[in-house]
Amino acid sequence: MKKSTRNQAEGTFHQVKGKIKEVAGKLSDNPKLEIEGTSEKIAGKVQVKAAQIEKVLGK
């Protein structure tokens, strides 16, 4: 598997995992878990974009 494809898949996984943590934090009234989920979701989005850039540049 190409590095960019793997990074894109991992980024998507982190987005989903972050969203789950975010919702769980809201439901359990746990702001720390909610913030952790939000930051993981953002990190996943960044990783997906970086993978897309790698794919365009052909690396």
N, C-alpha and C. Protein backbone atom coordinates (compact mmCIF):
# COMPACT_ATOMS: atom_id res chain seq x y z
N MET A 1 0.84 -1.16 0.00
CA MET A 1 0.00 0.00 0.00
C MET A 1 0.90 1.24 0.00
N LYS A 2 0.53 2.21 -0.81
CA LYS A 2 1.30 3.44 -0.88
C LYS A 2 1.19 4.21 0.44
N LYS A 3 2.24 4.95 0.72
CA LYS A 3 2.28 5.71 1.96
C LYS A 3 1.14 6.71 2.04
N SER A 4 0.84 7.38 0.93
CA SER A 4 -0.23 8.38 0.94
C SER A 4 -1.60 7.74 1.19
N THR A 5 -1.81 6.57 0.61
CA THR A 5 -3.08 5.87 0.81
C THR A 5 -3.22 5.42 2.25
N ARG A 6 -2.12 4.91 2.81
CA ARG A 6 -2.13 4.47 4.21
C ARG A 6 -2.39 5.65 5.14
N ASN A 7 -1.72 6.78 4.86
CA ASN A 7 -1.92 7.98 5.69
C ASN A 7 -3.36 8.48 5.60
N GLN A 8 -3.93 8.39 4.42
CA GLN A 8 -5.31 8.83 4.25
C GLN A 8 -6.26 7.93 5.05
N ALA A 9 -6.03 6.63 5.01
CA ALA A 9 -6.86 5.69 5.76
C ALA A 9 -6.71 5.92 7.27
N GLU A 10 -5.48 6.12 7.72
CA GLU A 10 -5.25 6.37 9.14
C GLU A 10 -5.89 7.69 9.57
N GLY A 11 -5.81 8.69 8.71
CA GLY A 11 -6.43 9.98 9.02
C GLY A 11 -7.93 9.86 9.16
N THR A 12 -8.55 9.11 8.27
CA THR A 12 -9.99 8.89 8.34
C THR A 12 -10.36 8.15 9.63
N PHE A 13 -9.54 7.17 9.99
CA PHE A 13 -9.77 6.43 11.23
C PHE A 13 -9.70 7.37 12.44
N HIS A 14 -8.73 8.27 12.44
CA HIS A 14 -8.59 9.21 13.56
C HIS A 14 -9.77 10.19 13.60
N GLN A 15 -10.28 10.57 12.44
CA GLN A 15 -11.45 11.45 12.40
C GLN A 15 -12.66 10.76 13.05
N VAL A 16 -12.88 9.52 12.69
CA VAL A 16 -14.03 8.77 13.23
C VAL A 16 -13.85 8.56 14.73
N LYS A 17 -12.66 8.15 15.12
CA LYS A 17 -12.37 7.90 16.54
C LYS A 17 -12.53 9.20 17.34
N GLY A 18 -12.07 10.31 16.78
CA GLY A 18 -12.21 11.59 17.44
C GLY A 18 -13.66 12.01 17.59
N LYS A 19 -14.45 11.78 16.56
CA LYS A 19 -15.87 12.12 16.62
C LYS A 19 -16.58 11.30 17.70
N ILE A 20 -16.23 10.02 17.80
CA ILE A 20 -16.83 9.16 18.83
C ILE A 20 -16.47 9.68 20.22
N LYS A 21 -15.20 10.03 20.42
CA LYS A 21 -14.78 10.57 21.72
C LYS A 21 -15.48 11.89 22.03
N GLU A 22 -15.62 12.71 21.00
CA GLU A 22 -16.28 14.01 21.18
C GLU A 22 -17.73 13.83 21.63
N VAL A 23 -18.46 12.95 20.97
CA VAL A 23 -19.85 12.71 21.32
C VAL A 23 -19.95 12.06 22.70
N ALA A 24 -19.05 11.12 22.99
CA ALA A 24 -19.06 10.48 24.31
C ALA A 24 -18.79 11.51 25.41
N GLY A 25 -17.90 12.45 25.14
CA GLY A 25 -17.62 13.49 26.11
C GLY A 25 -18.83 14.39 26.35
N LYS A 26 -19.56 14.70 25.28
CA LYS A 26 -20.76 15.52 25.43
C LYS A 26 -21.82 14.77 26.22
N LEU A 27 -22.02 13.50 25.89
CA LEU A 27 -23.06 12.72 26.56
C LEU A 27 -22.76 12.47 28.03
N SER A 28 -21.49 12.27 28.35
CA SER A 28 -21.11 11.99 29.73
C SER A 28 -20.73 13.25 30.51
N ASP A 29 -20.90 14.41 29.87
CA ASP A 29 -20.56 15.69 30.48
C ASP A 29 -19.10 15.70 30.96
N ASN A 30 -18.22 15.24 30.07
CA ASN A 30 -16.79 15.17 30.35
C ASN A 30 -16.06 16.07 29.36
N PRO A 31 -15.78 17.33 29.74
CA PRO A 31 -15.17 18.26 28.79
C PRO A 31 -13.77 17.82 28.34
N LYS A 32 -13.04 17.14 29.20
CA LYS A 32 -11.68 16.70 28.84
C LYS A 32 -11.76 15.69 27.67
N LEU A 33 -12.68 14.74 27.75
CA LEU A 33 -12.84 13.75 26.68
C LEU A 33 -13.34 14.42 25.40
N GLU A 34 -14.22 15.38 25.55
CA GLU A 34 -14.75 16.10 24.39
C GLU A 34 -13.63 16.86 23.66
N ILE A 35 -12.79 17.53 24.42
CA ILE A 35 -11.66 18.28 23.83
C ILE A 35 -10.67 17.32 23.18
N GLU A 36 -10.41 16.21 23.85
CA GLU A 36 -9.51 15.20 23.29
C GLU A 36 -10.04 14.68 21.95
N GLY A 37 -11.34 14.44 21.89
CA GLY A 37 -11.96 13.98 20.65
C GLY A 37 -11.89 15.01 19.54
N THR A 38 -12.12 16.26 19.90
CA THR A 38 -12.06 17.33 18.91
C THR A 38 -10.65 17.45 18.34
N SER A 39 -9.66 17.40 19.20
CA SER A 39 -8.28 17.54 18.72
C SER A 39 -7.87 16.34 17.87
N GLU A 40 -8.33 15.15 18.23
CA GLU A 40 -8.00 13.97 17.42
C GLU A 40 -8.68 14.03 16.06
N LYS A 41 -9.90 14.55 16.03
CA LYS A 41 -10.62 14.69 14.77
C LYS A 41 -9.90 15.69 13.85
N ILE A 42 -9.43 16.78 14.41
CA ILE A 42 -8.71 17.78 13.62
C ILE A 42 -7.39 17.20 13.11
N ALA A 43 -6.70 16.46 13.97
CA ALA A 43 -5.44 15.83 13.55
C ALA A 43 -5.69 14.85 12.40
N GLY A 44 -6.80 14.13 12.44
CA GLY A 44 -7.15 13.23 11.36
C GLY A 44 -7.40 13.96 10.06
N LYS A 45 -8.06 15.12 10.14
CA LYS A 45 -8.32 15.92 8.94
C LYS A 45 -7.01 16.41 8.34
N VAL A 46 -6.09 16.83 9.20
CA VAL A 46 -4.78 17.30 8.72
C VAL A 46 -4.04 16.15 8.04
N GLN A 47 -4.10 14.97 8.63
CA GLN A 47 -3.40 13.81 8.05
C GLN A 47 -3.99 13.45 6.69
N VAL A 48 -5.30 13.51 6.54
CA VAL A 48 -5.94 13.22 5.26
C VAL A 48 -5.51 14.24 4.21
N LYS A 49 -5.49 15.51 4.57
CA LYS A 49 -5.07 16.55 3.62
C LYS A 49 -3.61 16.38 3.22
N ALA A 50 -2.76 16.03 4.19
CA ALA A 50 -1.35 15.80 3.88
C ALA A 50 -1.19 14.63 2.91
N ALA A 51 -1.98 13.59 3.09
CA ALA A 51 -1.93 12.44 2.19
C ALA A 51 -2.39 12.83 0.79
N GLN A 52 -3.41 13.68 0.71
CA GLN A 52 -3.88 14.14 -0.60
C GLN A 52 -2.82 14.96 -1.30
N ILE A 53 -2.11 15.79 -0.55
CA ILE A 53 -1.03 16.60 -1.12
C ILE A 53 0.10 15.70 -1.62
N GLU A 54 0.44 14.68 -0.82
CA GLU A 54 1.47 13.72 -1.24
C GLU A 54 1.08 13.03 -2.54
N LYS A 55 -0.19 12.67 -2.64
CA LYS A 55 -0.67 11.99 -3.84
C LYS A 55 -0.56 12.89 -5.06
N VAL A 56 -0.90 14.16 -4.89
CA VAL A 56 -0.82 15.12 -6.01
C VAL A 56 0.62 15.34 -6.42
N LEU A 57 1.52 15.43 -5.45
CA LEU A 57 2.92 15.66 -5.75
C LEU A 57 3.63 14.40 -6.24
N GLY A 58 3.01 13.27 -6.06
CA GLY A 58 3.56 12.00 -6.55
C GLY A 58 4.66 11.43 -5.67
N LYS A 59 4.61 11.70 -4.40
CA LYS A 59 5.63 11.18 -3.49
C LYS A 59 5.21 9.87 -2.90
